[in-house]
Amino acid sequence: MIKPDTILPCNNLSDEGYKVVAVIGWINDFAVYQYYTTSSDRECASNGDKIGEDQARRLFPELASYKYRR
C-alpha cells in the first residue's frame, strides 16, 4: 500500500526529458511534477511543474485507482 505523503520517482523521464515524481495525497489522490534531472525527488516535488493527468497516468499506471489532483 502506498502511504500519504509518499514521493514516488518515475524510472522514465517525462516527454520533455525532465525527472518526474508523483506525490500521494491523504485522500487517495496524487499529483505529478517534473523538474531538472539533477534535482532530488523532494526538490522535484516541491519546485517542479505539475504535469497533465493523461501524461501522469501513463507514467504512473500503478496509481490507476487514485484520483488525480487538479
PDB file of N, CA and C in Angstrom:
ATOM      1  N   MET A   1       0.834  -1.192   0.000  1.00  0.00           N
ATOM      2  CA  MET A   1       0.000   0.000   0.000  1.00  0.00           C
ATOM      3  C   MET A   1       0.875   1.250   0.000  1.00  0.00           C
ATOM      4  N   ILE A   2       0.456   2.223  -0.755  1.00  0.00           N
ATOM      5  CA  ILE A   2       1.181   3.492  -0.832  1.00  0.00           C
ATOM      6  C   ILE A   2       0.617   4.426   0.224  1.00  0.00           C
ATOM      7  N   LYS A   3       1.481   4.991   1.037  1.00  0.00           N
ATOM      8  CA  LYS A   3       1.050   5.859   2.139  1.00  0.00           C
ATOM      9  C   LYS A   3       0.979   7.322   1.700  1.00  0.00           C
ATOM     10  N   PRO A   4       0.123   8.109   2.351  1.00  0.00           N
ATOM     11  CA  PRO A   4       0.074   9.551   2.072  1.00  0.00           C
ATOM     12  C   PRO A   4       1.435  10.202   2.296  1.00  0.00           C
ATOM     13  N   ASP A   5       1.696  11.232   1.570  1.00  0.00           N
ATOM     14  CA  ASP A   5       2.945  11.997   1.601  1.00  0.00           C
ATOM     15  C   ASP A   5       4.130  11.243   1.023  1.00  0.00           C
ATOM     16  N   THR A   6       3.893  10.100   0.397  1.00  0.00           N
ATOM     17  CA  THR A   6       4.958   9.374  -0.283  1.00  0.00           C
ATOM     18  C   THR A   6       5.291  10.094  -1.586  1.00  0.00           C
ATOM     19  N   ILE A   7       6.566  10.137  -1.906  1.00  0.00           N
ATOM     20  CA  ILE A   7       7.016  10.669  -3.191  1.00  0.00           C
ATOM     21  C   ILE A   7       7.542   9.497  -3.998  1.00  0.00           C
ATOM     22  N   LEU A   8       6.890   9.199  -5.112  1.00  0.00           N
ATOM     23  CA  LEU A   8       7.289   8.079  -5.972  1.00  0.00           C
ATOM     24  C   LEU A   8       8.069   8.600  -7.176  1.00  0.00           C
ATOM     25  N   PRO A   9       9.331   8.220  -7.316  1.00  0.00           N
ATOM     26  CA  PRO A   9      10.056   8.609  -8.519  1.00  0.00           C
ATOM     27  C   PRO A   9       9.644   7.723  -9.687  1.00  0.00           C
ATOM     28  N   CYS A  10       9.713   8.258 -10.868  1.00  0.00           N
ATOM     29  CA  CYS A  10       9.416   7.510 -12.085  1.00  0.00           C
ATOM     30  C   CYS A  10      10.739   7.057 -12.686  1.00  0.00           C
ATOM     31  N   ASN A  11      10.788   5.852 -13.200  1.00  0.00           N
ATOM     32  CA  ASN A  11      12.017   5.342 -13.813  1.00  0.00           C
ATOM     33  C   ASN A  11      12.274   5.963 -15.184  1.00  0.00           C
ATOM     34  N   ASN A  12      11.260   6.575 -15.763  1.00  0.00           N
ATOM     35  CA  ASN A  12      11.388   7.199 -17.082  1.00  0.00           C
ATOM     36  C   ASN A  12      11.353   8.712 -16.940  1.00  0.00           C
ATOM     37  N   LEU A  13      11.952   9.378 -17.916  1.00  0.00           N
ATOM     38  CA  LEU A  13      11.862  10.833 -17.954  1.00  0.00           C
ATOM     39  C   LEU A  13      10.523  11.224 -18.559  1.00  0.00           C
ATOM     40  N   SER A  14      10.097  12.445 -18.295  1.00  0.00           N
ATOM     41  CA  SER A  14       8.875  12.949 -18.911  1.00  0.00           C
ATOM     42  C   SER A  14       9.084  13.087 -20.409  1.00  0.00           C
ATOM     43  N   ASP A  15       8.025  13.390 -21.127  1.00  0.00           N
ATOM     44  CA  ASP A  15       8.124  13.590 -22.580  1.00  0.00           C
ATOM     45  C   ASP A  15       9.108  14.707 -22.931  1.00  0.00           C
ATOM     46  N   GLU A  16       9.319  15.635 -22.013  1.00  0.00           N
ATOM     47  CA  GLU A  16      10.221  16.767 -22.247  1.00  0.00           C
ATOM     48  C   GLU A  16      11.640  16.494 -21.750  1.00  0.00           C
ATOM     49  N   GLY A  17      11.902  15.306 -21.176  1.00  0.00           N
ATOM     50  CA  GLY A  17      13.247  14.976 -20.716  1.00  0.00           C
ATOM     51  C   GLY A  17      13.561  15.401 -19.300  1.00  0.00           C
ATOM     52  N   TYR A  18      12.555  15.638 -18.476  1.00  0.00           N
ATOM     53  CA  TYR A  18      12.762  16.034 -17.088  1.00  0.00           C
ATOM     54  C   TYR A  18      12.511  14.863 -16.139  1.00  0.00           C
ATOM     55  N   LYS A  19      13.063  14.949 -14.944  1.00  0.00           N
ATOM     56  CA  LYS A  19      12.783  13.998 -13.876  1.00  0.00           C
ATOM     57  C   LYS A  19      11.321  14.152 -13.476  1.00  0.00           C
ATOM     58  N   VAL A  20      10.683  13.057 -13.079  1.00  0.00           N
ATOM     59  CA  VAL A  20       9.265  13.078 -12.730  1.00  0.00           C
ATOM     60  C   VAL A  20       9.036  12.339 -11.411  1.00  0.00           C
ATOM     61  N   VAL A  21       8.204  12.926 -10.541  1.00  0.00           N
ATOM     62  CA  VAL A  21       7.798  12.256  -9.308  1.00  0.00           C
ATOM     63  C   VAL A  21       6.294  12.413  -9.108  1.00  0.00           C
ATOM     64  N   ALA A  22       5.709  11.426  -8.438  1.00  0.00           N
ATOM     65  CA  ALA A  22       4.301  11.504  -8.032  1.00  0.00           C
ATOM     66  C   ALA A  22       4.263  11.739  -6.533  1.00  0.00           C
ATOM     67  N   VAL A  23       3.367  12.614  -6.108  1.00  0.00           N
ATOM     68  CA  VAL A  23       3.172  12.893  -4.691  1.00  0.00           C
ATOM     69  C   VAL A  23       1.787  12.383  -4.313  1.00  0.00           C
ATOM     70  N   ILE A  24       1.743  11.482  -3.342  1.00  0.00           N
ATOM     71  CA  ILE A  24       0.493  10.865  -2.924  1.00  0.00           C
ATOM     72  C   ILE A  24      -0.160  11.729  -1.844  1.00  0.00           C
ATOM     73  N   GLY A  25      -1.454  11.990  -2.006  1.00  0.00           N
ATOM     74  CA  GLY A  25      -2.197  12.800  -1.053  1.00  0.00           C
ATOM     75  C   GLY A  25      -2.886  11.956   0.011  1.00  0.00           C
ATOM     76  N   TRP A  26      -3.571  12.621   0.907  1.00  0.00           N
ATOM     77  CA  TRP A  26      -4.207  11.971   2.059  1.00  0.00           C
ATOM     78  C   TRP A  26      -5.577  11.400   1.735  1.00  0.00           C
ATOM     79  N   ILE A  27      -6.148  11.740   0.599  1.00  0.00           N
ATOM     80  CA  ILE A  27      -7.494  11.246   0.281  1.00  0.00           C
ATOM     81  C   ILE A  27      -7.470  10.382  -0.990  1.00  0.00           C
ATOM     82  N   ASN A  28      -6.441   9.521  -1.061  1.00  0.00           N
ATOM     83  CA  ASN A  28      -6.255   8.639  -2.218  1.00  0.00           C
ATOM     84  C   ASN A  28      -6.228   9.420  -3.535  1.00  0.00           C
ATOM     85  N   ASP A  29      -5.447  10.489  -3.522  1.00  0.00           N
ATOM     86  CA  ASP A  29      -5.244  11.266  -4.730  1.00  0.00           C
ATOM     87  C   ASP A  29      -3.743  11.427  -4.962  1.00  0.00           C
ATOM     88  N   PHE A  30      -3.390  11.962  -6.109  1.00  0.00           N
ATOM     89  CA  PHE A  30      -1.977  12.175  -6.394  1.00  0.00           C
ATOM     90  C   PHE A  30      -1.816  13.311  -7.388  1.00  0.00           C
ATOM     91  N   ALA A  31      -0.608  13.834  -7.444  1.00  0.00           N
ATOM     92  CA  ALA A  31      -0.217  14.834  -8.428  1.00  0.00           C
ATOM     93  C   ALA A  31       1.183  14.466  -8.895  1.00  0.00           C
ATOM     94  N   VAL A  32       1.526  14.871 -10.104  1.00  0.00           N
ATOM     95  CA  VAL A  32       2.830  14.537 -10.666  1.00  0.00           C
ATOM     96  C   VAL A  32       3.532  15.823 -11.094  1.00  0.00           C
ATOM     97  N   TYR A  33       4.818  15.891 -10.762  1.00  0.00           N
ATOM     98  CA  TYR A  33       5.616  17.079 -11.044  1.00  0.00           C
ATOM     99  C   TYR A  33       6.871  16.697 -11.809  1.00  0.00           C
ATOM    100  N   GLN A  34       7.335  17.610 -12.660  1.00  0.00           N
ATOM    101  CA  GLN A  34       8.596  17.406 -13.375  1.00  0.00           C
ATOM    102  C   GLN A  34       9.532  18.562 -13.060  1.00  0.00           C
ATOM    103  N   TYR A  35      10.837  18.229 -13.030  1.00  0.00           N
ATOM    104  CA  TYR A  35      11.851  19.230 -12.722  1.00  0.00           C
ATOM    105  C   TYR A  35      13.171  18.751 -13.324  1.00  0.00           C
ATOM    106  N   TYR A  36      14.220  19.475 -13.108  1.00  0.00           N
ATOM    107  CA  TYR A  36      15.524  19.138 -13.671  1.00  0.00           C
ATOM    108  C   TYR A  36      15.990  17.753 -13.232  1.00  0.00           C
ATOM    109  N   THR A  37      16.667  17.053 -14.120  1.00  0.00           N
ATOM    110  CA  THR A  37      17.120  15.694 -13.815  1.00  0.00           C
ATOM    111  C   THR A  37      18.144  15.654 -12.690  1.00  0.00           C
ATOM    112  N   THR A  38      18.815  16.760 -12.425  1.00  0.00           N
ATOM    113  CA  THR A  38      19.826  16.799 -11.365  1.00  0.00           C
ATOM    114  C   THR A  38      19.222  17.061  -9.981  1.00  0.00           C
ATOM    115  N   SER A  39      17.928  17.298  -9.907  1.00  0.00           N
ATOM    116  CA  SER A  39      17.283  17.611  -8.624  1.00  0.00           C
ATOM    117  C   SER A  39      16.994  16.332  -7.836  1.00  0.00           C
ATOM    118  N   SER A  40      16.806  16.504  -6.534  1.00  0.00           N
ATOM    119  CA  SER A  40      16.388  15.376  -5.697  1.00  0.00           C
ATOM    120  C   SER A  40      14.886  15.157  -5.904  1.00  0.00           C
ATOM    121  N   ASP A  41      14.389  14.020  -5.438  1.00  0.00           N
ATOM    122  CA  ASP A  41      12.955  13.751  -5.539  1.00  0.00           C
ATOM    123  C   ASP A  41      12.152  14.817  -4.804  1.00  0.00           C
ATOM    124  N   ARG A  42      12.613  15.202  -3.630  1.00  0.00           N
ATOM    125  CA  ARG A  42      11.905  16.207  -2.834  1.00  0.00           C
ATOM    126  C   ARG A  42      11.918  17.571  -3.513  1.00  0.00           C
ATOM    127  N   GLU A  43      13.048  17.944  -4.101  1.00  0.00           N
ATOM    128  CA  GLU A  43      13.126  19.208  -4.849  1.00  0.00           C
ATOM    129  C   GLU A  43      12.155  19.200  -6.020  1.00  0.00           C
ATOM    130  N   CYS A  44      12.094  18.090  -6.701  1.00  0.00           N
ATOM    131  CA  CYS A  44      11.189  17.956  -7.840  1.00  0.00           C
ATOM    132  C   CYS A  44       9.742  18.125  -7.376  1.00  0.00           C
ATOM    133  N   ALA A  45       9.380  17.473  -6.283  1.00  0.00           N
ATOM    134  CA  ALA A  45       8.017  17.561  -5.753  1.00  0.00           C
ATOM    135  C   ALA A  45       7.680  18.967  -5.273  1.00  0.00           C
ATOM    136  N   SER A  46       8.646  19.654  -4.694  1.00  0.00           N
ATOM    137  CA  SER A  46       8.409  20.989  -4.124  1.00  0.00           C
ATOM    138  C   SER A  46       8.458  22.114  -5.155  1.00  0.00           C
ATOM    139  N   ASN A  47       9.348  21.999  -6.133  1.00  0.00           N
ATOM    140  CA  ASN A  47       9.600  23.106  -7.057  1.00  0.00           C
ATOM    141  C   ASN A  47       9.212  22.821  -8.495  1.00  0.00           C
ATOM    142  N   GLY A  48       8.843  21.587  -8.778  1.00  0.00           N
ATOM    143  CA  GLY A  48       8.576  21.198 -10.153  1.00  0.00           C
ATOM    144  C   GLY A  48       7.270  21.727 -10.704  1.00  0.00           C
ATOM    145  N   ASP A  49       7.126  21.598 -12.003  1.00  0.00           N
ATOM    146  CA  ASP A  49       5.904  21.982 -12.704  1.00  0.00           C
ATOM    147  C   ASP A  49       4.961  20.784 -12.731  1.00  0.00           C
ATOM    148  N   LYS A  50       3.712  21.018 -12.422  1.00  0.00           N
ATOM    149  CA  LYS A  50       2.714  19.952 -12.434  1.00  0.00           C
ATOM    150  C   LYS A  50       2.412  19.577 -13.879  1.00  0.00           C
ATOM    151  N   ILE A  51       2.309  18.268 -14.137  1.00  0.00           N
ATOM    152  CA  ILE A  51       2.005  17.822 -15.492  1.00  0.00           C
ATOM    153  C   ILE A  51       0.546  17.406 -15.587  1.00  0.00           C
ATOM    154  N   GLY A  52       0.069  17.272 -16.793  1.00  0.00           N
ATOM    155  CA  GLY A  52      -1.325  16.933 -17.038  1.00  0.00           C
ATOM    156  C   GLY A  52      -1.675  15.503 -16.637  1.00  0.00           C
ATOM    157  N   GLU A  53      -2.957  15.278 -16.439  1.00  0.00           N
ATOM    158  CA  GLU A  53      -3.436  13.975 -15.973  1.00  0.00           C
ATOM    159  C   GLU A  53      -3.130  12.846 -16.946  1.00  0.00           C
ATOM    160  N   ASP A  54      -3.318  13.058 -18.236  1.00  0.00           N
ATOM    161  CA  ASP A  54      -3.081  11.982 -19.203  1.00  0.00           C
ATOM    162  C   ASP A  54      -1.634  11.495 -19.150  1.00  0.00           C
ATOM    163  N   GLN A  55      -0.702  12.423 -19.156  1.00  0.00           N
ATOM    164  CA  GLN A  55       0.712  12.057 -19.087  1.00  0.00           C
ATOM    165  C   GLN A  55       1.032  11.420 -17.735  1.00  0.00           C
ATOM    166  N   ALA A  56       0.470  11.963 -16.660  1.00  0.00           N
ATOM    167  CA  ALA A  56       0.719  11.424 -15.318  1.00  0.00           C
ATOM    168  C   ALA A  56       0.252   9.978 -15.216  1.00  0.00           C
ATOM    169  N   ARG A  57      -0.895   9.678 -15.766  1.00  0.00           N
ATOM    170  CA  ARG A  57      -1.427   8.305 -15.708  1.00  0.00           C
ATOM    171  C   ARG A  57      -0.611   7.346 -16.566  1.00  0.00           C
ATOM    172  N   ARG A  58      -0.053   7.831 -17.672  1.00  0.00           N
ATOM    173  CA  ARG A  58       0.835   6.984 -18.481  1.00  0.00           C
ATOM    174  C   ARG A  58       2.116   6.657 -17.719  1.00  0.00           C
ATOM    175  N   LEU A  59       2.649   7.638 -17.003  1.00  0.00           N
ATOM    176  CA  LEU A  59       3.906   7.448 -16.285  1.00  0.00           C
ATOM    177  C   LEU A  59       3.749   6.645 -14.993  1.00  0.00           C
ATOM    178  N   PHE A  60       2.562   6.697 -14.385  1.00  0.00           N
ATOM    179  CA  PHE A  60       2.318   6.015 -13.112  1.00  0.00           C
ATOM    180  C   PHE A  60       1.067   5.144 -13.190  1.00  0.00           C
ATOM    181  N   PRO A  61       1.086   4.086 -13.987  1.00  0.00           N
ATOM    182  CA  PRO A  61      -0.104   3.237 -14.118  1.00  0.00           C
ATOM    183  C   PRO A  61      -0.494   2.543 -12.811  1.00  0.00           C
ATOM    184  N   GLU A  62       0.447   2.406 -11.887  1.00  0.00           N
ATOM    185  CA  GLU A  62       0.149   1.780 -10.591  1.00  0.00           C
ATOM    186  C   GLU A  62      -0.784   2.628  -9.734  1.00  0.00           C
ATOM    187  N   LEU A  63      -1.015   3.877 -10.139  1.00  0.00           N
ATOM    188  CA  LEU A  63      -1.904   4.771  -9.393  1.00  0.00           C
ATOM    189  C   LEU A  63      -3.278   4.895 -10.063  1.00  0.00           C
ATOM    190  N   ALA A  64      -3.648   3.915 -10.844  1.00  0.00           N
ATOM    191  CA  ALA A  64      -4.907   3.951 -11.609  1.00  0.00           C
ATOM    192  C   ALA A  64      -6.133   4.136 -10.719  1.00  0.00           C
ATOM    193  N   SER A  65      -6.100   3.610  -9.504  1.00  0.00           N
ATOM    194  CA  SER A  65      -7.267   3.720  -8.618  1.00  0.00           C
ATOM    195  C   SER A  65      -7.292   5.038  -7.837  1.00  0.00           C
ATOM    196  N   TYR A  66      -6.250   5.859  -7.993  1.00  0.00           N
ATOM    197  CA  TYR A  66      -6.173   7.141  -7.289  1.00  0.00           C
ATOM    198  C   TYR A  66      -6.755   8.247  -8.156  1.00  0.00           C
ATOM    199  N   LYS A  67      -7.353   9.228  -7.534  1.00  0.00           N
ATOM    200  CA  LYS A  67      -7.879  10.393  -8.240  1.00  0.00           C
ATOM    201  C   LYS A  67      -6.729  11.364  -8.496  1.00  0.00           C
ATOM    202  N   TYR A  68      -6.716  11.995  -9.669  1.00  0.00           N
ATOM    203  CA  TYR A  68      -5.659  12.962  -9.968  1.00  0.00           C
ATOM    204  C   TYR A  68      -6.032  14.323  -9.382  1.00  0.00           C
ATOM    205  N   ARG A  69      -5.107  14.898  -8.634  1.00  0.00           N
ATOM    206  CA  ARG A  69      -5.326  16.205  -8.003  1.00  0.00           C
ATOM    207  C   ARG A  69      -5.146  17.306  -9.031  1.00  0.00           C
ATOM    208  N   ARG A  70      -6.151  18.098  -9.260  1.00  0.00           N
ATOM    209  CA  ARG A  70      -6.126  19.154 -10.266  1.00  0.00           C
ATOM    210  C   ARG A  70      -5.493  20.432  -9.765  1.00  0.00           C
TER     211      ARG A  70
END
